[in-house]
């Protein structure tokens, strides 16, 4: 996808905006629809902040719902080639497509423990991590309370959003 300037983003109607930004929050077009209504955006940072504000304003159950929209890392969907294009690239950049059988077994086991404990998949910004850091992070975050982990997961969603937006929107120099 070609990079858009913020002025072009501001000219998009709701359908176009949702089509382009509908997976900035993984599998959550509702987020794009909600954010569109806050146009015009002053710059990329304003767009990022609007998405962050949307996520922060969700009640606990809404935040958990956003986290449930994410796939397991190197999970069943990844194994079947059924991830979104964004998730496929992100997991590949972290080396999750190059796991040894032992690493895959460990990750699968930790993912299962995590989902049983919290009720949603482990979310981490794969583009900012490699497989060892992801495995360590998953082990450490299993020690969190539900509230702590929901906040940590939403924080990771925000990082993912920023990187996905940077793939779509050109950061223009301010005059």
N, C-alpha and C. Protein backbone atom coordinates (compact mmCIF):
# COMPACT_ATOMS: atom_id res chain seq x y z
N UNK A 1 0.85 -1.18 0.00
CA UNK A 1 0.00 0.00 0.00
C UNK A 1 0.89 1.24 0.00
N UNK A 2 0.53 2.18 -0.80
CA UNK A 2 1.29 3.42 -0.88
C UNK A 2 1.04 4.25 0.37
N UNK A 3 2.06 4.98 0.78
CA UNK A 3 1.91 5.83 1.97
C UNK A 3 1.00 7.01 1.66
N UNK A 4 0.14 7.29 2.60
CA UNK A 4 -0.76 8.44 2.49
C UNK A 4 -0.22 9.58 3.32
N UNK A 5 -0.47 10.77 2.87
CA UNK A 5 -0.17 11.95 3.69
C UNK A 5 -1.40 12.18 4.57
N UNK A 6 -1.21 12.86 5.68
CA UNK A 6 -2.31 13.05 6.63
C UNK A 6 -3.48 13.80 5.98
N UNK A 7 -3.18 14.71 5.06
CA UNK A 7 -4.25 15.43 4.36
C UNK A 7 -5.11 14.46 3.55
N UNK A 8 -4.48 13.44 2.97
CA UNK A 8 -5.22 12.42 2.22
C UNK A 8 -6.06 11.56 3.17
N UNK A 9 -5.50 11.24 4.33
CA UNK A 9 -6.24 10.47 5.34
C UNK A 9 -7.49 11.24 5.74
N UNK A 10 -7.36 12.54 5.93
CA UNK A 10 -8.49 13.36 6.36
C UNK A 10 -9.59 13.47 5.31
N UNK A 11 -9.27 13.18 4.06
CA UNK A 11 -10.26 13.24 2.98
C UNK A 11 -11.01 11.92 2.79
N UNK A 12 -10.57 10.86 3.45
CA UNK A 12 -11.20 9.56 3.28
C UNK A 12 -12.61 9.55 3.88
N UNK A 13 -13.55 8.95 3.15
CA UNK A 13 -14.86 8.76 3.77
C UNK A 13 -14.76 7.57 4.72
N UNK A 14 -15.82 7.32 5.46
CA UNK A 14 -15.74 6.29 6.50
C UNK A 14 -15.42 4.92 5.93
N UNK A 15 -16.01 4.55 4.81
CA UNK A 15 -15.76 3.23 4.23
C UNK A 15 -14.30 3.08 3.80
N UNK A 16 -13.76 4.12 3.16
CA UNK A 16 -12.35 4.07 2.73
C UNK A 16 -11.43 3.99 3.95
N UNK A 17 -11.72 4.79 4.97
CA UNK A 17 -10.90 4.81 6.17
C UNK A 17 -10.91 3.42 6.84
N UNK A 18 -12.08 2.84 6.96
CA UNK A 18 -12.19 1.52 7.60
C UNK A 18 -11.48 0.46 6.76
N UNK A 19 -11.57 0.56 5.45
CA UNK A 19 -10.88 -0.39 4.57
C UNK A 19 -9.37 -0.31 4.77
N UNK A 20 -8.84 0.90 4.88
CA UNK A 20 -7.39 1.10 5.00
C UNK A 20 -6.89 0.87 6.42
N UNK A 21 -7.63 1.33 7.42
CA UNK A 21 -7.18 1.28 8.81
C UNK A 21 -7.89 0.21 9.64
N UNK A 22 -8.69 -0.61 9.02
CA UNK A 22 -9.51 -1.59 9.73
C UNK A 22 -8.75 -2.67 10.47
N UNK A 23 -7.47 -2.85 10.14
CA UNK A 23 -6.69 -3.86 10.85
C UNK A 23 -5.53 -3.23 11.62
N UNK A 24 -5.57 -1.94 11.83
CA UNK A 24 -4.55 -1.29 12.65
C UNK A 24 -4.64 -1.87 14.07
N UNK A 25 -5.85 -2.02 14.56
CA UNK A 25 -6.10 -2.82 15.76
C UNK A 25 -6.56 -4.16 15.20
N UNK A 26 -5.80 -5.22 15.45
CA UNK A 26 -6.00 -6.52 14.83
C UNK A 26 -7.45 -6.97 14.82
N UNK A 27 -7.98 -7.22 13.61
CA UNK A 27 -9.33 -7.75 13.43
C UNK A 27 -10.40 -6.93 14.15
N UNK A 28 -10.21 -5.60 14.21
CA UNK A 28 -11.13 -4.76 14.97
C UNK A 28 -11.48 -3.50 14.16
N UNK A 29 -12.34 -3.70 13.18
CA UNK A 29 -12.75 -2.57 12.33
C UNK A 29 -13.53 -1.52 13.14
N UNK A 30 -14.11 -1.95 14.25
CA UNK A 30 -14.84 -1.02 15.11
C UNK A 30 -13.92 0.11 15.59
N UNK A 31 -12.68 -0.22 15.88
CA UNK A 31 -11.73 0.81 16.31
C UNK A 31 -11.53 1.84 15.21
N UNK A 32 -11.35 1.39 13.99
CA UNK A 32 -11.18 2.32 12.87
C UNK A 32 -12.42 3.18 12.69
N UNK A 33 -13.59 2.58 12.80
CA UNK A 33 -14.84 3.33 12.65
C UNK A 33 -14.96 4.40 13.72
N UNK A 34 -14.60 4.06 14.95
CA UNK A 34 -14.68 5.02 16.05
C UNK A 34 -13.68 6.15 15.87
N UNK A 35 -12.48 5.82 15.42
CA UNK A 35 -11.42 6.81 15.26
C UNK A 35 -11.72 7.76 14.10
N UNK A 36 -12.33 7.25 13.03
CA UNK A 36 -12.65 8.08 11.87
C UNK A 36 -13.46 9.31 12.26
N UNK A 37 -14.35 9.16 13.20
CA UNK A 37 -15.22 10.27 13.59
C UNK A 37 -14.47 11.42 14.26
N UNK A 38 -13.20 11.23 14.56
CA UNK A 38 -12.41 12.28 15.20
C UNK A 38 -11.57 13.09 14.21
N UNK A 39 -11.80 12.87 12.91
CA UNK A 39 -11.09 13.65 11.90
C UNK A 39 -11.47 15.12 12.05
N UNK A 40 -10.67 16.04 11.62
CA UNK A 40 -9.39 15.86 10.94
C UNK A 40 -8.26 15.65 11.94
N UNK A 41 -7.28 14.87 11.50
CA UNK A 41 -6.09 14.62 12.30
C UNK A 41 -5.04 15.66 11.93
N UNK A 42 -4.38 16.21 12.95
CA UNK A 42 -3.37 17.23 12.69
C UNK A 42 -2.12 16.63 12.06
N UNK A 43 -1.78 15.42 12.49
CA UNK A 43 -0.58 14.73 12.01
C UNK A 43 -0.65 13.27 12.44
N UNK A 44 0.38 12.52 12.11
CA UNK A 44 0.40 11.09 12.44
C UNK A 44 0.31 10.88 13.94
N UNK A 45 0.99 11.72 14.71
CA UNK A 45 0.96 11.57 16.16
C UNK A 45 -0.45 11.75 16.69
N UNK A 46 -1.20 12.68 16.11
CA UNK A 46 -2.59 12.90 16.53
C UNK A 46 -3.43 11.66 16.22
N UNK A 47 -3.23 11.06 15.06
CA UNK A 47 -3.94 9.83 14.71
C UNK A 47 -3.59 8.71 15.69
N UNK A 48 -2.30 8.55 15.98
CA UNK A 48 -1.87 7.55 16.96
C UNK A 48 -2.50 7.79 18.32
N UNK A 49 -2.51 9.03 18.75
CA UNK A 49 -3.07 9.36 20.07
C UNK A 49 -4.57 9.11 20.11
N UNK A 50 -5.25 9.37 19.01
CA UNK A 50 -6.70 9.13 18.95
C UNK A 50 -7.01 7.65 19.12
N UNK A 51 -6.20 6.80 18.49
CA UNK A 51 -6.40 5.35 18.65
C UNK A 51 -6.07 4.94 20.09
N UNK A 52 -4.98 5.47 20.63
CA UNK A 52 -4.62 5.16 22.02
C UNK A 52 -5.73 5.60 22.98
N UNK A 53 -6.28 6.78 22.75
CA UNK A 53 -7.37 7.28 23.60
C UNK A 53 -8.60 6.37 23.50
N UNK A 54 -8.90 5.91 22.28
CA UNK A 54 -10.03 4.98 22.09
C UNK A 54 -9.81 3.73 22.93
N UNK A 55 -8.60 3.16 22.83
CA UNK A 55 -8.29 1.93 23.58
C UNK A 55 -8.35 2.17 25.09
N UNK A 56 -7.80 3.28 25.54
CA UNK A 56 -7.79 3.60 26.97
C UNK A 56 -9.20 3.81 27.53
N UNK A 57 -10.10 4.33 26.69
CA UNK A 57 -11.46 4.64 27.15
C UNK A 57 -12.36 3.40 27.24
N UNK A 58 -11.92 2.31 26.65
CA UNK A 58 -12.73 1.09 26.71
C UNK A 58 -12.82 0.59 28.15
N UNK A 59 -13.98 0.04 28.51
CA UNK A 59 -14.06 -0.60 29.83
C UNK A 59 -13.20 -1.86 29.83
N UNK A 60 -12.96 -2.43 30.99
CA UNK A 60 -12.13 -3.62 31.13
C UNK A 60 -12.53 -4.71 30.14
N UNK A 61 -13.80 -5.00 30.04
CA UNK A 61 -14.28 -6.07 29.15
C UNK A 61 -14.02 -5.72 27.68
N UNK A 62 -14.10 -4.44 27.33
CA UNK A 62 -13.79 -4.01 25.96
C UNK A 62 -12.32 -4.18 25.64
N UNK A 63 -11.47 -3.86 26.60
CA UNK A 63 -10.03 -4.05 26.41
C UNK A 63 -9.71 -5.53 26.25
N UNK A 64 -10.34 -6.36 27.06
CA UNK A 64 -10.14 -7.81 26.93
C UNK A 64 -10.63 -8.28 25.56
N UNK A 65 -11.72 -7.71 25.07
CA UNK A 65 -12.24 -8.06 23.75
C UNK A 65 -11.25 -7.72 22.65
N UNK A 66 -10.61 -6.56 22.75
CA UNK A 66 -9.59 -6.18 21.76
C UNK A 66 -8.44 -7.18 21.80
N UNK A 67 -8.04 -7.59 22.98
CA UNK A 67 -6.95 -8.55 23.11
C UNK A 67 -7.35 -9.91 22.52
N UNK A 68 -8.63 -10.28 22.65
CA UNK A 68 -9.09 -11.55 22.09
C UNK A 68 -9.11 -11.54 20.56
N UNK A 69 -9.04 -10.37 19.94
CA UNK A 69 -9.00 -10.28 18.48
C UNK A 69 -7.64 -10.70 17.92
N UNK A 70 -6.65 -10.81 18.77
CA UNK A 70 -5.29 -11.16 18.34
C UNK A 70 -5.10 -12.67 18.30
N UNK A 71 -4.28 -13.13 17.35
CA UNK A 71 -4.01 -14.57 17.27
C UNK A 71 -2.92 -14.99 18.25
N UNK A 72 -2.88 -16.29 18.54
CA UNK A 72 -1.76 -16.82 19.32
C UNK A 72 -0.49 -16.65 18.50
N UNK A 73 0.61 -16.33 19.16
CA UNK A 73 1.89 -16.24 18.49
C UNK A 73 2.33 -17.63 18.05
N UNK A 74 2.63 -17.78 16.77
CA UNK A 74 3.04 -19.06 16.18
C UNK A 74 2.01 -20.16 16.46
N UNK A 75 0.76 -19.76 16.56
CA UNK A 75 -0.31 -20.70 16.89
C UNK A 75 -0.92 -21.38 15.68
N UNK A 76 -2.10 -21.90 15.89
CA UNK A 76 -2.81 -22.67 14.87
C UNK A 76 -3.00 -21.88 13.58
N UNK A 77 -3.42 -20.61 13.69
CA UNK A 77 -3.64 -19.80 12.49
C UNK A 77 -2.33 -19.55 11.74
N UNK A 78 -1.25 -19.32 12.46
CA UNK A 78 0.04 -19.13 11.82
C UNK A 78 0.47 -20.41 11.12
N UNK A 79 0.28 -21.53 11.78
CA UNK A 79 0.67 -22.82 11.20
C UNK A 79 -0.13 -23.11 9.93
N UNK A 80 -1.36 -22.64 9.89
CA UNK A 80 -2.23 -22.89 8.73
C UNK A 80 -2.13 -21.79 7.68
N UNK A 81 -1.29 -20.76 7.92
CA UNK A 81 -1.17 -19.66 6.96
C UNK A 81 -2.41 -18.79 6.90
N UNK A 82 -3.13 -18.66 8.03
CA UNK A 82 -4.39 -17.94 8.05
C UNK A 82 -4.35 -16.64 8.86
N UNK A 83 -3.16 -16.14 9.15
CA UNK A 83 -3.05 -14.86 9.84
C UNK A 83 -3.33 -13.72 8.87
N UNK A 84 -3.64 -12.55 9.42
CA UNK A 84 -3.72 -11.38 8.56
C UNK A 84 -2.33 -11.12 7.98
N UNK A 85 -2.28 -10.39 6.89
CA UNK A 85 -0.99 -10.08 6.26
C UNK A 85 -0.06 -9.37 7.25
N UNK A 86 -0.63 -8.47 8.03
CA UNK A 86 0.16 -7.73 9.01
C UNK A 86 0.75 -8.66 10.06
N UNK A 87 -0.07 -9.54 10.62
CA UNK A 87 0.41 -10.46 11.65
C UNK A 87 1.44 -11.43 11.10
N UNK A 88 1.24 -11.88 9.88
CA UNK A 88 2.21 -12.78 9.26
C UNK A 88 3.58 -12.12 9.19
N UNK A 89 3.62 -10.89 8.70
CA UNK A 89 4.88 -10.16 8.58
C UNK A 89 5.49 -9.89 9.95
N UNK A 90 4.68 -9.50 10.90
CA UNK A 90 5.18 -9.19 12.23
C UNK A 90 5.76 -10.42 12.92
N UNK A 91 5.06 -11.54 12.83
CA UNK A 91 5.57 -12.76 13.46
C UNK A 91 6.84 -13.23 12.75
N UNK A 92 6.89 -13.05 11.43
CA UNK A 92 8.10 -13.42 10.68
C UNK A 92 9.28 -12.55 11.12
N UNK A 93 9.05 -11.26 11.31
CA UNK A 93 10.14 -10.35 11.70
C UNK A 93 10.72 -10.71 13.06
N UNK A 94 9.92 -11.36 13.91
CA UNK A 94 10.38 -11.77 15.23
C UNK A 94 11.03 -13.16 15.20
N UNK A 95 11.01 -13.79 14.04
CA UNK A 95 11.59 -15.13 13.92
C UNK A 95 10.66 -16.24 14.36
N UNK A 96 9.38 -15.93 14.51
CA UNK A 96 8.44 -16.95 14.98
C UNK A 96 8.10 -17.98 13.91
N UNK A 97 8.50 -17.71 12.68
CA UNK A 97 8.32 -18.70 11.62
C UNK A 97 9.53 -19.64 11.52
N UNK A 98 10.52 -19.42 12.38
CA UNK A 98 11.75 -20.20 12.38
C UNK A 98 11.98 -20.91 13.72
N UNK A 99 10.92 -21.21 14.43
CA UNK A 99 11.05 -21.86 15.73
C UNK A 99 11.46 -23.32 15.56
N UNK A 100 12.31 -23.77 16.48
CA UNK A 100 12.59 -25.21 16.54
C UNK A 100 11.35 -25.90 17.10
N UNK A 101 11.29 -27.20 16.98
CA UNK A 101 10.14 -27.94 17.52
C UNK A 101 10.04 -27.73 19.03
N UNK A 102 11.17 -27.71 19.74
CA UNK A 102 11.16 -27.47 21.19
C UNK A 102 10.63 -26.08 21.50
N UNK A 103 11.08 -25.07 20.75
CA UNK A 103 10.60 -23.70 20.98
C UNK A 103 9.10 -23.60 20.70
N UNK A 104 8.65 -24.24 19.62
CA UNK A 104 7.23 -24.23 19.29
C UNK A 104 6.41 -24.91 20.38
N UNK A 105 6.89 -26.03 20.88
CA UNK A 105 6.19 -26.72 21.96
C UNK A 105 6.12 -25.86 23.21
N UNK A 106 7.23 -25.21 23.55
CA UNK A 106 7.26 -24.32 24.72
C UNK A 106 6.29 -23.16 24.54
N UNK A 107 6.33 -22.53 23.37
CA UNK A 107 5.45 -21.39 23.11
C UNK A 107 3.99 -21.83 23.14
N UNK A 108 3.69 -22.96 22.56
CA UNK A 108 2.31 -23.47 22.56
C UNK A 108 1.83 -23.72 23.99
N UNK A 109 2.68 -24.33 24.80
CA UNK A 109 2.33 -24.60 26.20
C UNK A 109 2.13 -23.29 26.99
N UNK A 110 3.04 -22.34 26.81
CA UNK A 110 2.91 -21.06 27.52
C UNK A 110 1.68 -20.29 27.05
N UNK A 111 1.42 -20.30 25.74
CA UNK A 111 0.21 -19.64 25.21
C UNK A 111 -1.04 -20.23 25.85
N UNK A 112 -1.08 -21.55 26.00
CA UNK A 112 -2.24 -22.21 26.59
C UNK A 112 -2.40 -21.82 28.06
N UNK A 113 -1.29 -21.84 28.81
CA UNK A 113 -1.35 -21.44 30.22
C UNK A 113 -1.87 -20.01 30.34
N UNK A 114 -1.36 -19.15 29.47
CA UNK A 114 -1.73 -17.74 29.49
C UNK A 114 -3.23 -17.58 29.22
N UNK A 115 -3.73 -18.24 28.16
CA UNK A 115 -5.15 -18.10 27.83
C UNK A 115 -6.05 -18.66 28.91
N UNK A 116 -5.64 -19.73 29.54
CA UNK A 116 -6.43 -20.28 30.66
C UNK A 116 -6.48 -19.27 31.80
N UNK A 117 -5.35 -18.65 32.11
CA UNK A 117 -5.29 -17.71 33.23
C UNK A 117 -6.04 -16.41 32.95
N UNK A 118 -5.85 -15.84 31.73
CA UNK A 118 -6.37 -14.50 31.47
C UNK A 118 -7.61 -14.46 30.58
N UNK A 119 -7.85 -15.49 29.79
CA UNK A 119 -9.03 -15.51 28.93
C UNK A 119 -8.84 -14.82 27.59
N UNK A 120 -7.62 -14.46 27.27
CA UNK A 120 -7.30 -13.86 25.97
C UNK A 120 -5.86 -14.23 25.63
N UNK A 121 -5.50 -14.12 24.34
CA UNK A 121 -4.14 -14.50 23.94
C UNK A 121 -3.09 -13.50 24.42
N UNK A 122 -1.88 -13.99 24.55
CA UNK A 122 -0.72 -13.15 24.86
C UNK A 122 -0.46 -12.22 23.68
N UNK A 123 -0.38 -10.93 23.96
CA UNK A 123 -0.12 -9.94 22.91
C UNK A 123 1.17 -9.22 23.25
N UNK A 124 2.06 -9.21 22.27
CA UNK A 124 3.31 -8.47 22.38
C UNK A 124 3.62 -7.93 20.98
N UNK A 125 4.24 -6.80 20.92
CA UNK A 125 4.61 -6.21 19.64
C UNK A 125 5.77 -7.01 19.06
N UNK A 126 5.45 -7.97 18.22
CA UNK A 126 6.47 -8.89 17.68
C UNK A 126 7.54 -8.14 16.90
N UNK A 127 7.18 -7.06 16.22
CA UNK A 127 8.17 -6.33 15.43
C UNK A 127 9.26 -5.70 16.29
N UNK A 128 8.99 -5.51 17.55
CA UNK A 128 9.97 -4.91 18.45
C UNK A 128 10.67 -5.95 19.31
N UNK A 129 10.44 -7.23 19.02
CA UNK A 129 11.00 -8.32 19.83
C UNK A 129 11.45 -9.47 18.93
N UNK A 130 12.28 -10.30 19.47
CA UNK A 130 12.69 -11.54 18.81
C UNK A 130 12.15 -12.70 19.64
N UNK A 131 12.29 -13.91 19.10
CA UNK A 131 11.63 -15.05 19.74
C UNK A 131 12.07 -15.26 21.19
N UNK A 132 13.34 -15.07 21.51
CA UNK A 132 13.80 -15.28 22.89
C UNK A 132 13.14 -14.28 23.84
N UNK A 133 13.05 -13.02 23.41
CA UNK A 133 12.42 -11.99 24.24
C UNK A 133 10.92 -12.27 24.40
N UNK A 134 10.31 -12.80 23.36
CA UNK A 134 8.89 -13.13 23.43
C UNK A 134 8.65 -14.26 24.42
N UNK A 135 9.45 -15.30 24.34
CA UNK A 135 9.31 -16.41 25.28
C UNK A 135 9.55 -15.95 26.72
N UNK A 136 10.57 -15.12 26.93
CA UNK A 136 10.84 -14.58 28.27
C UNK A 136 9.70 -13.69 28.74
N UNK A 137 9.20 -12.84 27.84
CA UNK A 137 8.10 -11.94 28.20
C UNK A 137 6.85 -12.70 28.57
N UNK A 138 6.57 -13.75 27.83
CA UNK A 138 5.40 -14.56 28.12
C UNK A 138 5.52 -15.22 29.49
N UNK A 139 6.68 -15.74 29.78
CA UNK A 139 6.92 -16.37 31.09
C UNK A 139 6.74 -15.35 32.21
N UNK A 140 7.30 -14.16 32.04
CA UNK A 140 7.21 -13.12 33.08
C UNK A 140 5.78 -12.60 33.23
N UNK A 141 5.11 -12.37 32.11
CA UNK A 141 3.77 -11.80 32.19
C UNK A 141 2.74 -12.79 32.72
N UNK A 142 3.04 -14.05 32.72
CA UNK A 142 2.14 -15.02 33.35
C UNK A 142 2.02 -14.77 34.85
N UNK A 143 2.96 -14.04 35.43
CA UNK A 143 2.95 -13.72 36.86
C UNK A 143 2.02 -12.55 37.20
N UNK A 144 1.54 -11.83 36.19
CA UNK A 144 0.70 -10.65 36.40
C UNK A 144 -0.70 -11.01 36.91
N UNK A 145 -1.35 -10.02 37.49
CA UNK A 145 -2.78 -10.13 37.77
C UNK A 145 -3.53 -9.85 36.46
N UNK A 146 -4.82 -10.14 36.44
CA UNK A 146 -5.62 -9.89 35.24
C UNK A 146 -5.60 -8.42 34.85
N UNK A 147 -5.73 -7.54 35.84
CA UNK A 147 -5.74 -6.11 35.56
C UNK A 147 -4.40 -5.65 35.00
N UNK A 148 -3.31 -6.11 35.62
CA UNK A 148 -1.97 -5.74 35.15
C UNK A 148 -1.76 -6.24 33.72
N UNK A 149 -2.22 -7.44 33.46
CA UNK A 149 -1.97 -8.03 32.14
C UNK A 149 -2.83 -7.39 31.07
N UNK A 150 -4.04 -7.00 31.42
CA UNK A 150 -4.87 -6.29 30.44
C UNK A 150 -4.19 -4.98 30.06
N UNK A 151 -3.68 -4.25 31.04
CA UNK A 151 -2.98 -3.00 30.74
C UNK A 151 -1.72 -3.24 29.92
N UNK A 152 -0.97 -4.27 30.27
CA UNK A 152 0.25 -4.59 29.52
C UNK A 152 -0.10 -4.97 28.09
N UNK A 153 -1.13 -5.78 27.91
CA UNK A 153 -1.54 -6.19 26.57
C UNK A 153 -2.01 -5.02 25.73
N UNK A 154 -2.81 -4.12 26.31
CA UNK A 154 -3.27 -2.94 25.58
C UNK A 154 -2.09 -2.03 25.24
N UNK A 155 -1.12 -1.94 26.12
CA UNK A 155 0.09 -1.18 25.81
C UNK A 155 0.81 -1.74 24.60
N UNK A 156 0.84 -3.06 24.48
CA UNK A 156 1.46 -3.70 23.31
C UNK A 156 0.63 -3.46 22.06
N UNK A 157 -0.70 -3.47 22.19
CA UNK A 157 -1.58 -3.17 21.05
C UNK A 157 -1.27 -1.76 20.54
N UNK A 158 -1.07 -0.82 21.43
CA UNK A 158 -0.75 0.55 21.01
C UNK A 158 0.55 0.60 20.21
N UNK A 159 1.55 -0.17 20.63
CA UNK A 159 2.82 -0.22 19.88
C UNK A 159 2.58 -0.79 18.48
N UNK A 160 1.79 -1.86 18.42
CA UNK A 160 1.46 -2.48 17.14
C UNK A 160 0.76 -1.46 16.24
N UNK A 161 -0.19 -0.75 16.81
CA UNK A 161 -0.94 0.26 16.05
C UNK A 161 0.00 1.33 15.48
N UNK A 162 0.90 1.83 16.30
CA UNK A 162 1.83 2.86 15.83
C UNK A 162 2.64 2.38 14.64
N UNK A 163 3.13 1.16 14.71
CA UNK A 163 3.92 0.62 13.61
C UNK A 163 3.07 0.39 12.37
N UNK A 164 1.87 -0.09 12.56
CA UNK A 164 0.98 -0.30 11.41
C UNK A 164 0.59 1.02 10.76
N UNK A 165 0.34 2.02 11.57
CA UNK A 165 0.01 3.34 11.02
C UNK A 165 1.22 3.91 10.27
N UNK A 166 2.40 3.71 10.81
CA UNK A 166 3.62 4.19 10.13
C UNK A 166 3.78 3.52 8.76
N UNK A 167 3.26 2.32 8.60
CA UNK A 167 3.29 1.64 7.31
C UNK A 167 2.31 2.24 6.32
N UNK A 168 1.30 2.93 6.82
CA UNK A 168 0.21 3.47 5.98
C UNK A 168 0.38 4.96 5.74
N UNK A 169 0.77 5.72 6.76
CA UNK A 169 0.77 7.18 6.70
C UNK A 169 2.20 7.72 6.74
N UNK A 170 2.48 8.61 5.82
CA UNK A 170 3.78 9.28 5.80
C UNK A 170 3.82 10.31 6.90
N UNK A 171 4.92 10.30 7.66
CA UNK A 171 5.11 11.32 8.69
C UNK A 171 5.69 12.55 8.00
N UNK A 172 4.91 13.58 7.94
CA UNK A 172 5.31 14.79 7.23
C UNK A 172 6.03 15.74 8.17
N UNK A 173 7.00 16.43 7.61
CA UNK A 173 7.70 17.47 8.38
C UNK A 173 6.74 18.63 8.60
N UNK A 174 6.72 19.14 9.83
CA UNK A 174 5.86 20.29 10.12
C UNK A 174 6.53 21.56 9.62
N UNK A 175 5.72 22.45 9.09
CA UNK A 175 6.25 23.74 8.60
C UNK A 175 6.21 24.79 9.66
